[in-house]
Amino acid sequence: MAFFMLSLTGIPPASGFFGKYYLFLAAVDGNLGWLAMIGVITSVISAFFYLRVIVDMTMREPQSETPSRIYPALVTTLAVTALGTLLLGLWPGPWLQMAQAGLKLFGG
């Protein structure tokens, strides 16, 4: 969960970094620098809240001693999505090319 929250914050090498980067770049290219600044400010605010949750998850003692069960389907799903998030962050090029091809195909 911490990795996914850091991705939402926009910390590299997770895929959320490139998502925010290209979004802010498009705003600046469209002469909407003020909008990019609002995006950066809201990203910093969201990082504060995400990091608070991560600190609570990792640094504090659990309030109850409930045994946790590990389900193989859950572990597999988390592993696949974490790998996808990491790969999209490390190698965004092929995915961006497919997105651009799709835009050209559908007249975007």
N, C-alpha and C. Protein backbone atom coordinates (compact mmCIF):
# COMPACT_ATOMS: atom_id res chain seq x y z
N MET A 1 0.82 -1.18 0.00
CA MET A 1 0.00 0.00 0.00
C MET A 1 0.87 1.25 0.00
N ALA A 2 1.98 1.20 0.72
CA ALA A 2 2.88 2.36 0.76
C ALA A 2 3.42 2.68 -0.63
N PHE A 3 3.77 1.65 -1.39
CA PHE A 3 4.29 1.87 -2.75
C PHE A 3 3.24 2.54 -3.63
N PHE A 4 2.01 2.10 -3.54
CA PHE A 4 0.95 2.68 -4.36
C PHE A 4 0.66 4.11 -3.93
N MET A 5 0.73 4.39 -2.64
CA MET A 5 0.50 5.76 -2.18
C MET A 5 1.64 6.68 -2.62
N LEU A 6 2.86 6.18 -2.62
CA LEU A 6 3.97 6.98 -3.13
C LEU A 6 3.82 7.22 -4.63
N SER A 7 3.28 6.26 -5.34
CA SER A 7 3.02 6.45 -6.77
C SER A 7 1.97 7.53 -6.98
N LEU A 8 0.92 7.53 -6.17
CA LEU A 8 -0.09 8.58 -6.27
C LEU A 8 0.49 9.95 -5.95
N THR A 9 1.48 9.98 -5.08
CA THR A 9 2.14 11.23 -4.74
C THR A 9 2.95 11.76 -5.91
N GLY A 10 3.44 10.86 -6.76
CA GLY A 10 4.23 11.27 -7.91
C GLY A 10 5.71 11.10 -7.71
N ILE A 11 6.08 10.19 -6.83
CA ILE A 11 7.50 9.96 -6.55
C ILE A 11 8.04 8.92 -7.53
N PRO A 12 9.17 9.24 -8.21
CA PRO A 12 9.73 8.26 -9.14
C PRO A 12 10.31 7.09 -8.35
N PRO A 13 10.40 5.91 -8.87
CA PRO A 13 10.20 5.50 -10.25
C PRO A 13 8.81 4.96 -10.53
N ALA A 14 7.85 5.24 -9.71
CA ALA A 14 6.50 4.72 -9.92
C ALA A 14 5.82 5.45 -11.08
N SER A 15 4.79 4.85 -11.60
CA SER A 15 4.12 5.38 -12.78
C SER A 15 3.42 6.71 -12.52
N GLY A 16 3.05 7.00 -11.29
CA GLY A 16 2.39 8.26 -10.99
C GLY A 16 3.26 9.47 -11.27
N PHE A 17 4.57 9.30 -11.22
CA PHE A 17 5.48 10.40 -11.52
C PHE A 17 5.31 10.88 -12.95
N PHE A 18 5.34 9.96 -13.91
CA PHE A 18 5.22 10.36 -15.30
C PHE A 18 3.82 10.86 -15.63
N GLY A 19 2.82 10.32 -14.97
CA GLY A 19 1.47 10.83 -15.17
C GLY A 19 1.37 12.29 -14.78
N LYS A 20 1.90 12.63 -13.62
CA LYS A 20 1.87 14.02 -13.18
C LYS A 20 2.80 14.89 -14.02
N TYR A 21 3.94 14.37 -14.37
CA TYR A 21 4.89 15.13 -15.18
C TYR A 21 4.27 15.56 -16.50
N TYR A 22 3.68 14.62 -17.22
CA TYR A 22 3.09 14.94 -18.52
C TYR A 22 1.85 15.81 -18.37
N LEU A 23 1.12 15.66 -17.30
CA LEU A 23 -0.04 16.51 -17.07
C LEU A 23 0.41 17.95 -16.83
N PHE A 24 1.42 18.15 -16.00
CA PHE A 24 1.92 19.50 -15.73
C PHE A 24 2.59 20.08 -16.97
N LEU A 25 3.29 19.25 -17.73
CA LEU A 25 3.93 19.71 -18.97
C LEU A 25 2.89 20.18 -19.98
N ALA A 26 1.79 19.46 -20.10
CA ALA A 26 0.73 19.87 -21.01
C ALA A 26 0.11 21.19 -20.57
N ALA A 27 -0.04 21.39 -19.27
CA ALA A 27 -0.59 22.65 -18.77
C ALA A 27 0.35 23.81 -19.08
N VAL A 28 1.64 23.62 -18.90
CA VAL A 28 2.61 24.67 -19.19
C VAL A 28 2.67 24.94 -20.68
N ASP A 29 2.66 23.90 -21.51
CA ASP A 29 2.67 24.07 -22.97
C ASP A 29 1.42 24.79 -23.47
N GLY A 30 0.32 24.64 -22.76
CA GLY A 30 -0.93 25.29 -23.14
C GLY A 30 -1.09 26.67 -22.51
N ASN A 31 0.03 27.26 -22.07
CA ASN A 31 0.01 28.57 -21.42
C ASN A 31 -0.91 28.61 -20.21
N LEU A 32 -0.95 27.53 -19.47
CA LEU A 32 -1.74 27.45 -18.25
C LEU A 32 -0.82 27.16 -17.06
N GLY A 33 0.23 27.96 -16.94
CA GLY A 33 1.19 27.77 -15.87
C GLY A 33 0.56 27.87 -14.49
N TRP A 34 -0.44 28.73 -14.36
CA TRP A 34 -1.13 28.86 -13.08
C TRP A 34 -1.81 27.55 -12.69
N LEU A 35 -2.33 26.85 -13.69
CA LEU A 35 -2.98 25.57 -13.42
C LEU A 35 -1.96 24.51 -13.00
N ALA A 36 -0.79 24.55 -13.64
CA ALA A 36 0.29 23.63 -13.25
C ALA A 36 0.74 23.91 -11.82
N MET A 37 0.79 25.18 -11.45
CA MET A 37 1.18 25.52 -10.07
C MET A 37 0.15 25.02 -9.07
N ILE A 38 -1.12 25.14 -9.39
CA ILE A 38 -2.16 24.60 -8.51
C ILE A 38 -1.99 23.09 -8.39
N GLY A 39 -1.67 22.43 -9.50
CA GLY A 39 -1.44 20.99 -9.47
C GLY A 39 -0.26 20.61 -8.59
N VAL A 40 0.81 21.37 -8.67
CA VAL A 40 1.98 21.10 -7.83
C VAL A 40 1.64 21.31 -6.36
N ILE A 41 0.92 22.38 -6.06
CA ILE A 41 0.55 22.66 -4.67
C ILE A 41 -0.35 21.54 -4.13
N THR A 42 -1.33 21.12 -4.91
CA THR A 42 -2.21 20.05 -4.43
C THR A 42 -1.45 18.73 -4.32
N SER A 43 -0.45 18.52 -5.15
CA SER A 43 0.37 17.32 -5.04
C SER A 43 1.17 17.32 -3.74
N VAL A 44 1.68 18.47 -3.36
CA VAL A 44 2.43 18.57 -2.10
C VAL A 44 1.49 18.33 -0.91
N ILE A 45 0.30 18.90 -0.99
CA ILE A 45 -0.68 18.68 0.09
C ILE A 45 -1.05 17.20 0.18
N SER A 46 -1.29 16.57 -0.97
CA SER A 46 -1.65 15.15 -0.94
C SER A 46 -0.49 14.30 -0.43
N ALA A 47 0.75 14.69 -0.76
CA ALA A 47 1.91 13.96 -0.26
C ALA A 47 1.95 13.98 1.27
N PHE A 48 1.62 15.11 1.85
CA PHE A 48 1.58 15.20 3.31
C PHE A 48 0.60 14.18 3.89
N PHE A 49 -0.59 14.09 3.32
CA PHE A 49 -1.59 13.17 3.85
C PHE A 49 -1.21 11.71 3.57
N TYR A 50 -0.69 11.42 2.38
CA TYR A 50 -0.27 10.06 2.08
C TYR A 50 0.86 9.61 2.99
N LEU A 51 1.83 10.50 3.21
CA LEU A 51 2.96 10.13 4.06
C LEU A 51 2.53 9.93 5.51
N ARG A 52 1.54 10.67 5.95
CA ARG A 52 1.01 10.44 7.31
C ARG A 52 0.43 9.05 7.44
N VAL A 53 -0.30 8.60 6.42
CA VAL A 53 -0.87 7.25 6.46
C VAL A 53 0.24 6.21 6.45
N ILE A 54 1.27 6.42 5.64
CA ILE A 54 2.38 5.47 5.57
C ILE A 54 3.10 5.40 6.91
N VAL A 55 3.32 6.54 7.55
CA VAL A 55 3.96 6.54 8.87
C VAL A 55 3.09 5.80 9.87
N ASP A 56 1.79 6.04 9.84
CA ASP A 56 0.89 5.33 10.76
C ASP A 56 0.93 3.82 10.53
N MET A 57 1.02 3.40 9.27
CA MET A 57 1.05 1.97 8.96
C MET A 57 2.33 1.30 9.42
N THR A 58 3.44 2.02 9.31
CA THR A 58 4.73 1.37 9.53
C THR A 58 5.36 1.63 10.88
N MET A 59 5.07 2.76 11.48
CA MET A 59 5.77 3.14 12.69
C MET A 59 4.99 2.95 13.99
N ARG A 60 3.73 2.71 13.91
CA ARG A 60 2.92 2.60 15.13
C ARG A 60 2.57 1.14 15.41
N GLU A 61 2.37 0.88 16.67
CA GLU A 61 1.98 -0.46 17.08
C GLU A 61 0.52 -0.71 16.69
N PRO A 62 0.21 -1.94 16.27
CA PRO A 62 -1.19 -2.25 15.96
C PRO A 62 -2.06 -2.16 17.21
N GLN A 63 -3.31 -1.76 17.01
CA GLN A 63 -4.20 -1.58 18.16
C GLN A 63 -4.81 -2.89 18.63
N SER A 64 -4.88 -3.87 17.76
CA SER A 64 -5.42 -5.17 18.16
C SER A 64 -4.49 -6.27 17.67
N GLU A 65 -4.61 -7.39 18.28
CA GLU A 65 -3.77 -8.53 17.92
C GLU A 65 -4.55 -9.53 17.07
N THR A 66 -5.24 -9.05 16.07
CA THR A 66 -5.99 -9.96 15.20
C THR A 66 -5.02 -10.65 14.25
N PRO A 67 -5.13 -11.94 14.13
CA PRO A 67 -4.24 -12.65 13.20
C PRO A 67 -4.60 -12.30 11.76
N SER A 68 -3.60 -12.09 10.96
CA SER A 68 -3.85 -11.78 9.56
C SER A 68 -3.63 -13.04 8.72
N ARG A 69 -4.53 -13.22 7.78
CA ARG A 69 -4.41 -14.36 6.86
C ARG A 69 -3.86 -13.87 5.54
N ILE A 70 -3.03 -14.69 4.95
CA ILE A 70 -2.45 -14.36 3.66
C ILE A 70 -3.15 -15.22 2.61
N TYR A 71 -3.83 -14.53 1.69
CA TYR A 71 -4.53 -15.22 0.62
C TYR A 71 -3.67 -15.20 -0.64
N PRO A 72 -3.46 -16.36 -1.27
CA PRO A 72 -2.62 -16.40 -2.47
C PRO A 72 -3.13 -15.50 -3.59
N ALA A 73 -4.44 -15.40 -3.77
CA ALA A 73 -4.97 -14.54 -4.84
C ALA A 73 -4.65 -13.07 -4.56
N LEU A 74 -4.72 -12.67 -3.31
CA LEU A 74 -4.41 -11.29 -2.94
C LEU A 74 -2.94 -10.98 -3.16
N VAL A 75 -2.07 -11.89 -2.77
CA VAL A 75 -0.64 -11.71 -2.95
C VAL A 75 -0.30 -11.62 -4.43
N THR A 76 -0.91 -12.47 -5.24
CA THR A 76 -0.67 -12.45 -6.68
C THR A 76 -1.15 -11.14 -7.29
N THR A 77 -2.33 -10.70 -6.92
CA THR A 77 -2.87 -9.45 -7.45
C THR A 77 -1.99 -8.26 -7.07
N LEU A 78 -1.57 -8.20 -5.82
CA LEU A 78 -0.70 -7.11 -5.39
C LEU A 78 0.65 -7.14 -6.10
N ALA A 79 1.20 -8.31 -6.28
CA ALA A 79 2.48 -8.43 -6.97
C ALA A 79 2.39 -7.97 -8.42
N VAL A 80 1.33 -8.38 -9.11
CA VAL A 80 1.16 -8.00 -10.52
C VAL A 80 0.94 -6.49 -10.66
N THR A 81 0.10 -5.92 -9.81
CA THR A 81 -0.15 -4.48 -9.91
C THR A 81 1.07 -3.66 -9.49
N ALA A 82 1.81 -4.12 -8.49
CA ALA A 82 3.04 -3.41 -8.09
C ALA A 82 4.07 -3.47 -9.20
N LEU A 83 4.21 -4.63 -9.83
CA LEU A 83 5.14 -4.76 -10.95
C LEU A 83 4.73 -3.86 -12.11
N GLY A 84 3.44 -3.83 -12.41
CA GLY A 84 2.96 -2.96 -13.47
C GLY A 84 3.20 -1.49 -13.17
N THR A 85 2.98 -1.09 -11.93
CA THR A 85 3.21 0.30 -11.53
C THR A 85 4.69 0.65 -11.65
N LEU A 86 5.55 -0.26 -11.25
CA LEU A 86 6.98 -0.02 -11.35
C LEU A 86 7.45 0.01 -12.79
N LEU A 87 6.99 -0.95 -13.61
CA LEU A 87 7.42 -0.99 -15.01
C LEU A 87 6.93 0.22 -15.79
N LEU A 88 5.71 0.66 -15.52
CA LEU A 88 5.22 1.87 -16.19
C LEU A 88 6.03 3.10 -15.78
N GLY A 89 6.56 3.09 -14.58
CA GLY A 89 7.40 4.20 -14.14
C GLY A 89 8.79 4.16 -14.71
N LEU A 90 9.35 2.97 -14.88
CA LEU A 90 10.71 2.83 -15.39
C LEU A 90 10.78 2.91 -16.91
N TRP A 91 9.79 2.36 -17.60
CA TRP A 91 9.77 2.34 -19.06
C TRP A 91 8.42 2.84 -19.60
N PRO A 92 8.18 4.14 -19.51
CA PRO A 92 6.89 4.66 -19.98
C PRO A 92 6.81 4.79 -21.50
N GLY A 93 7.96 4.75 -22.18
CA GLY A 93 8.00 5.00 -23.63
C GLY A 93 7.04 4.17 -24.46
N PRO A 94 7.07 2.83 -24.36
CA PRO A 94 6.16 2.04 -25.20
C PRO A 94 4.69 2.34 -24.93
N TRP A 95 4.35 2.60 -23.70
CA TRP A 95 2.94 2.88 -23.37
C TRP A 95 2.53 4.25 -23.89
N LEU A 96 3.43 5.21 -23.83
CA LEU A 96 3.13 6.53 -24.37
C LEU A 96 2.99 6.48 -25.89
N GLN A 97 3.82 5.67 -26.54
CA GLN A 97 3.71 5.53 -27.99
C GLN A 97 2.38 4.89 -28.38
N MET A 98 1.94 3.90 -27.62
CA MET A 98 0.64 3.30 -27.90
C MET A 98 -0.49 4.30 -27.69
N ALA A 99 -0.37 5.13 -26.67
CA ALA A 99 -1.39 6.15 -26.42
C ALA A 99 -1.42 7.17 -27.55
N GLN A 100 -0.25 7.59 -28.04
CA GLN A 100 -0.21 8.54 -29.14
C GLN A 100 -0.76 7.93 -30.42
N ALA A 101 -0.46 6.65 -30.66
CA ALA A 101 -1.01 5.98 -31.83
C ALA A 101 -2.53 5.90 -31.74
N GLY A 102 -3.05 5.65 -30.55
CA GLY A 102 -4.49 5.61 -30.36
C GLY A 102 -5.14 6.96 -30.60
N LEU A 103 -4.46 8.02 -30.18
CA LEU A 103 -4.97 9.37 -30.44
C LEU A 103 -5.04 9.66 -31.93
N LYS A 104 -3.99 9.27 -32.66
CA LYS A 104 -3.97 9.48 -34.11
C LYS A 104 -5.05 8.66 -34.79
N LEU A 105 -5.24 7.44 -34.30
CA LEU A 105 -6.22 6.55 -34.91
C LEU A 105 -7.64 7.08 -34.74
N PHE A 106 -7.92 7.66 -33.58
CA PHE A 106 -9.27 8.14 -33.31
C PHE A 106 -9.41 9.65 -33.50
N GLY A 107 -8.46 10.28 -34.17
CA GLY A 107 -8.60 11.68 -34.53
C GLY A 107 -8.32 12.66 -33.42
N GLY A 108 -7.55 12.27 -32.42
CA GLY A 108 -7.26 13.16 -31.29
C GLY A 108 -6.10 14.07 -31.52
